[in-house]
Amino acid sequence: MQHETLTAWSGADVLARAKMFFAERVPQYGAYLEKEGPAFATFRGQGGEEIAIAVFPGPEGTRVRASTLLFDQIVDRFFSILPPVDGTRPA
């Protein structure tokens, strides 16, 4: 499933927070960094399942897209901590 939201944070801030969040905040469903680049990070977790996160900077804020098969609730929880842009709510 794909998830997408818009945030006021920079892409670098989103990816840094994702690394901490998936490794520390949800230990029973921990997912650990597998690969990263300036605009993406992939995590491997329970049963080898993957979370892929990409960031796309734009004039209105940073668009964050995540893809996963197993970690939908955890991705939604991560998106809920991202600050919205000018009063918009995360998607």
N, C-alpha and C. Protein backbone atom coordinates (compact mmCIF):
# COMPACT_ATOMS: atom_id res chain seq x y z
N MET A 1 0.84 -1.17 0.00
CA MET A 1 0.00 0.00 0.00
C MET A 1 0.89 1.24 0.00
N GLN A 2 0.44 2.28 -0.69
CA GLN A 2 1.19 3.54 -0.70
C GLN A 2 0.49 4.55 0.19
N HIS A 3 1.30 5.32 0.89
CA HIS A 3 0.83 6.38 1.76
C HIS A 3 1.53 7.66 1.31
N GLU A 4 0.83 8.79 1.42
CA GLU A 4 1.45 10.05 1.03
C GLU A 4 0.93 11.17 1.91
N THR A 5 1.83 12.13 2.21
CA THR A 5 1.45 13.29 3.00
C THR A 5 2.35 14.45 2.62
N LEU A 6 1.99 15.64 3.11
CA LEU A 6 2.76 16.85 2.89
C LEU A 6 3.17 17.39 4.25
N THR A 7 4.43 17.80 4.39
CA THR A 7 4.92 18.28 5.68
C THR A 7 5.75 19.54 5.53
N ALA A 8 5.87 20.26 6.63
CA ALA A 8 6.70 21.47 6.66
C ALA A 8 8.18 21.14 6.83
N TRP A 9 8.52 19.93 7.27
CA TRP A 9 9.92 19.55 7.45
C TRP A 9 10.62 19.38 6.11
N SER A 10 11.92 19.54 6.14
CA SER A 10 12.72 19.27 4.94
C SER A 10 12.80 17.75 4.73
N GLY A 11 13.17 17.35 3.53
CA GLY A 11 13.33 15.93 3.25
C GLY A 11 14.37 15.28 4.14
N ALA A 12 15.47 15.98 4.38
CA ALA A 12 16.53 15.44 5.25
C ALA A 12 16.01 15.23 6.66
N ASP A 13 15.20 16.17 7.17
CA ASP A 13 14.62 16.02 8.51
C ASP A 13 13.66 14.84 8.57
N VAL A 14 12.85 14.67 7.54
CA VAL A 14 11.90 13.55 7.50
C VAL A 14 12.65 12.23 7.54
N LEU A 15 13.68 12.10 6.71
CA LEU A 15 14.43 10.83 6.65
C LEU A 15 15.19 10.56 7.94
N ALA A 16 15.75 11.60 8.55
CA ALA A 16 16.45 11.42 9.83
C ALA A 16 15.47 10.96 10.90
N ARG A 17 14.30 11.57 10.95
CA ARG A 17 13.30 11.17 11.94
C ARG A 17 12.79 9.76 11.66
N ALA A 18 12.63 9.39 10.40
CA ALA A 18 12.18 8.04 10.05
C ALA A 18 13.16 6.99 10.56
N LYS A 19 14.45 7.25 10.43
CA LYS A 19 15.46 6.30 10.90
C LYS A 19 15.33 6.06 12.41
N MET A 20 15.12 7.12 13.14
CA MET A 20 14.95 6.98 14.59
C MET A 20 13.61 6.31 14.92
N PHE A 21 12.56 6.77 14.27
CA PHE A 21 11.22 6.29 14.57
C PHE A 21 11.09 4.78 14.36
N PHE A 22 11.48 4.30 13.20
CA PHE A 22 11.27 2.88 12.89
C PHE A 22 12.18 1.96 13.70
N ALA A 23 13.33 2.44 14.13
CA ALA A 23 14.23 1.61 14.93
C ALA A 23 13.91 1.66 16.42
N GLU A 24 13.40 2.80 16.91
CA GLU A 24 13.27 2.98 18.36
C GLU A 24 11.84 3.07 18.86
N ARG A 25 10.96 3.73 18.15
CA ARG A 25 9.63 4.01 18.68
C ARG A 25 8.69 2.81 18.66
N VAL A 26 8.95 1.88 17.80
CA VAL A 26 8.05 0.73 17.67
C VAL A 26 8.85 -0.56 17.71
N PRO A 27 9.46 -0.88 18.86
CA PRO A 27 10.38 -2.02 18.91
C PRO A 27 9.75 -3.36 18.55
N GLN A 28 8.49 -3.58 18.87
CA GLN A 28 7.88 -4.87 18.52
C GLN A 28 7.70 -5.02 17.01
N TYR A 29 7.70 -3.91 16.31
CA TYR A 29 7.61 -3.94 14.84
C TYR A 29 8.79 -3.19 14.24
N GLY A 30 9.93 -3.23 14.88
CA GLY A 30 11.09 -2.48 14.44
C GLY A 30 11.48 -2.80 13.01
N ALA A 31 11.87 -1.76 12.30
CA ALA A 31 12.38 -1.91 10.94
C ALA A 31 13.69 -1.13 10.90
N TYR A 32 14.70 -1.72 10.32
CA TYR A 32 16.03 -1.14 10.39
C TYR A 32 16.51 -0.72 9.02
N LEU A 33 17.24 0.37 8.99
CA LEU A 33 17.72 0.96 7.74
C LEU A 33 18.47 -0.08 6.92
N GLU A 34 18.08 -0.18 5.66
CA GLU A 34 18.76 -1.09 4.75
C GLU A 34 19.55 -0.31 3.70
N LYS A 35 18.92 0.68 3.07
CA LYS A 35 19.59 1.52 2.07
C LYS A 35 19.10 2.94 2.25
N GLU A 36 19.94 3.90 1.85
CA GLU A 36 19.50 5.29 1.91
C GLU A 36 20.21 6.12 0.87
N GLY A 37 19.58 7.22 0.53
CA GLY A 37 20.15 8.20 -0.39
C GLY A 37 19.61 9.56 0.02
N PRO A 38 19.92 10.60 -0.72
CA PRO A 38 19.48 11.94 -0.31
C PRO A 38 17.97 12.12 -0.31
N ALA A 39 17.24 11.32 -1.08
CA ALA A 39 15.80 11.50 -1.16
C ALA A 39 15.00 10.24 -0.85
N PHE A 40 15.65 9.22 -0.27
CA PHE A 40 14.93 7.99 0.04
C PHE A 40 15.61 7.22 1.16
N ALA A 41 14.85 6.32 1.74
CA ALA A 41 15.39 5.35 2.70
C ALA A 41 14.52 4.10 2.62
N THR A 42 15.16 2.95 2.69
CA THR A 42 14.40 1.71 2.77
C THR A 42 14.77 1.01 4.07
N PHE A 43 13.77 0.39 4.67
CA PHE A 43 13.92 -0.28 5.95
C PHE A 43 13.47 -1.72 5.79
N ARG A 44 14.10 -2.61 6.52
CA ARG A 44 13.73 -4.03 6.51
C ARG A 44 13.29 -4.39 7.91
N GLY A 45 12.15 -5.08 8.01
CA GLY A 45 11.62 -5.40 9.32
C GLY A 45 11.17 -6.84 9.43
N GLN A 46 10.21 -7.04 10.30
CA GLN A 46 9.66 -8.36 10.64
C GLN A 46 9.39 -9.18 9.38
N GLY A 47 9.92 -10.40 9.35
CA GLY A 47 9.68 -11.31 8.23
C GLY A 47 10.30 -10.85 6.93
N GLY A 48 11.22 -9.91 6.99
CA GLY A 48 11.85 -9.41 5.77
C GLY A 48 11.03 -8.37 5.04
N GLU A 49 9.93 -7.94 5.65
CA GLU A 49 9.08 -6.94 5.01
C GLU A 49 9.79 -5.60 4.90
N GLU A 50 9.43 -4.82 3.89
CA GLU A 50 10.12 -3.57 3.59
C GLU A 50 9.21 -2.36 3.75
N ILE A 51 9.83 -1.26 4.15
CA ILE A 51 9.20 0.05 4.12
C ILE A 51 10.11 0.91 3.26
N ALA A 52 9.56 1.54 2.25
CA ALA A 52 10.33 2.46 1.40
C ALA A 52 9.73 3.85 1.57
N ILE A 53 10.59 4.82 1.85
CA ILE A 53 10.15 6.20 2.03
C ILE A 53 10.93 7.08 1.06
N ALA A 54 10.20 7.94 0.35
CA ALA A 54 10.83 8.91 -0.55
C ALA A 54 10.31 10.30 -0.23
N VAL A 55 11.15 11.29 -0.42
CA VAL A 55 10.77 12.67 -0.16
C VAL A 55 10.96 13.49 -1.44
N PHE A 56 10.03 14.41 -1.67
CA PHE A 56 10.03 15.24 -2.85
C PHE A 56 9.81 16.69 -2.43
N PRO A 57 10.87 17.52 -2.42
CA PRO A 57 10.69 18.91 -2.03
C PRO A 57 9.90 19.66 -3.10
N GLY A 58 9.09 20.59 -2.63
CA GLY A 58 8.30 21.41 -3.55
C GLY A 58 8.02 22.76 -2.93
N PRO A 59 7.42 23.65 -3.67
CA PRO A 59 7.16 24.99 -3.17
C PRO A 59 6.18 25.02 -2.00
N GLU A 60 5.30 24.05 -1.92
CA GLU A 60 4.30 24.03 -0.86
C GLU A 60 4.74 23.26 0.37
N GLY A 61 5.88 22.58 0.31
CA GLY A 61 6.38 21.77 1.42
C GLY A 61 7.04 20.52 0.87
N THR A 62 7.29 19.57 1.74
CA THR A 62 7.91 18.31 1.32
C THR A 62 6.86 17.23 1.24
N ARG A 63 6.73 16.63 0.07
CA ARG A 63 5.82 15.51 -0.11
C ARG A 63 6.56 14.25 0.31
N VAL A 64 5.92 13.46 1.15
CA VAL A 64 6.51 12.23 1.67
C VAL A 64 5.65 11.07 1.18
N ARG A 65 6.30 10.10 0.55
CA ARG A 65 5.58 8.92 0.05
C ARG A 65 6.20 7.68 0.67
N ALA A 66 5.37 6.80 1.18
CA ALA A 66 5.85 5.55 1.79
C ALA A 66 5.10 4.38 1.16
N SER A 67 5.80 3.29 1.00
CA SER A 67 5.22 2.08 0.44
C SER A 67 5.58 0.91 1.35
N THR A 68 4.58 0.07 1.64
CA THR A 68 4.79 -1.10 2.49
C THR A 68 3.65 -2.09 2.29
N LEU A 69 3.89 -3.33 2.63
CA LEU A 69 2.84 -4.34 2.61
C LEU A 69 2.34 -4.67 4.01
N LEU A 70 3.23 -4.65 4.99
CA LEU A 70 2.89 -5.10 6.35
C LEU A 70 2.77 -3.96 7.35
N PHE A 71 3.50 -2.88 7.15
CA PHE A 71 3.64 -1.85 8.18
C PHE A 71 2.71 -0.65 8.00
N ASP A 72 1.51 -0.85 7.49
CA ASP A 72 0.60 0.27 7.24
C ASP A 72 0.30 1.10 8.48
N GLN A 73 -0.02 0.45 9.59
CA GLN A 73 -0.33 1.19 10.82
C GLN A 73 0.86 1.96 11.33
N ILE A 74 2.04 1.39 11.22
CA ILE A 74 3.24 2.05 11.70
C ILE A 74 3.57 3.25 10.81
N VAL A 75 3.41 3.12 9.52
CA VAL A 75 3.64 4.24 8.61
C VAL A 75 2.64 5.35 8.91
N ASP A 76 1.37 5.01 9.13
CA ASP A 76 0.37 6.02 9.51
C ASP A 76 0.77 6.72 10.81
N ARG A 77 1.28 5.97 11.74
CA ARG A 77 1.72 6.56 13.01
C ARG A 77 2.89 7.51 12.77
N PHE A 78 3.84 7.12 11.92
CA PHE A 78 4.96 8.00 11.59
C PHE A 78 4.46 9.28 10.93
N PHE A 79 3.56 9.15 9.97
CA PHE A 79 3.03 10.33 9.30
C PHE A 79 2.34 11.27 10.29
N SER A 80 1.76 10.73 11.34
CA SER A 80 1.03 11.57 12.30
C SER A 80 1.96 12.49 13.10
N ILE A 81 3.26 12.19 13.14
CA ILE A 81 4.19 13.06 13.88
C ILE A 81 4.79 14.15 12.99
N LEU A 82 4.57 14.07 11.69
CA LEU A 82 5.12 15.07 10.78
C LEU A 82 4.29 16.35 10.85
N PRO A 83 4.92 17.52 11.04
CA PRO A 83 4.15 18.74 11.13
C PRO A 83 3.54 19.11 9.77
N PRO A 84 2.28 19.50 9.77
CA PRO A 84 1.62 19.87 8.52
C PRO A 84 2.12 21.20 7.99
N VAL A 85 1.78 21.49 6.76
CA VAL A 85 2.12 22.75 6.11
C VAL A 85 0.96 23.71 6.28
N ASP A 86 1.20 24.86 6.90
CA ASP A 86 0.21 25.94 7.01
C ASP A 86 -1.20 25.47 7.34
N GLY A 87 -1.31 24.69 8.38
CA GLY A 87 -2.63 24.29 8.86
C GLY A 87 -3.25 23.12 8.12
N THR A 88 -2.59 22.60 7.09
CA THR A 88 -3.15 21.42 6.43
C THR A 88 -2.94 20.21 7.31
N ARG A 89 -3.78 19.23 7.16
CA ARG A 89 -3.65 18.00 7.92
C ARG A 89 -2.95 16.95 7.07
N PRO A 90 -2.16 16.08 7.70
CA PRO A 90 -1.53 15.01 6.92
C PRO A 90 -2.59 14.16 6.23
N ALA A 91 -2.25 13.71 5.01
CA ALA A 91 -3.19 12.88 4.24
C ALA A 91 -3.17 11.45 4.74
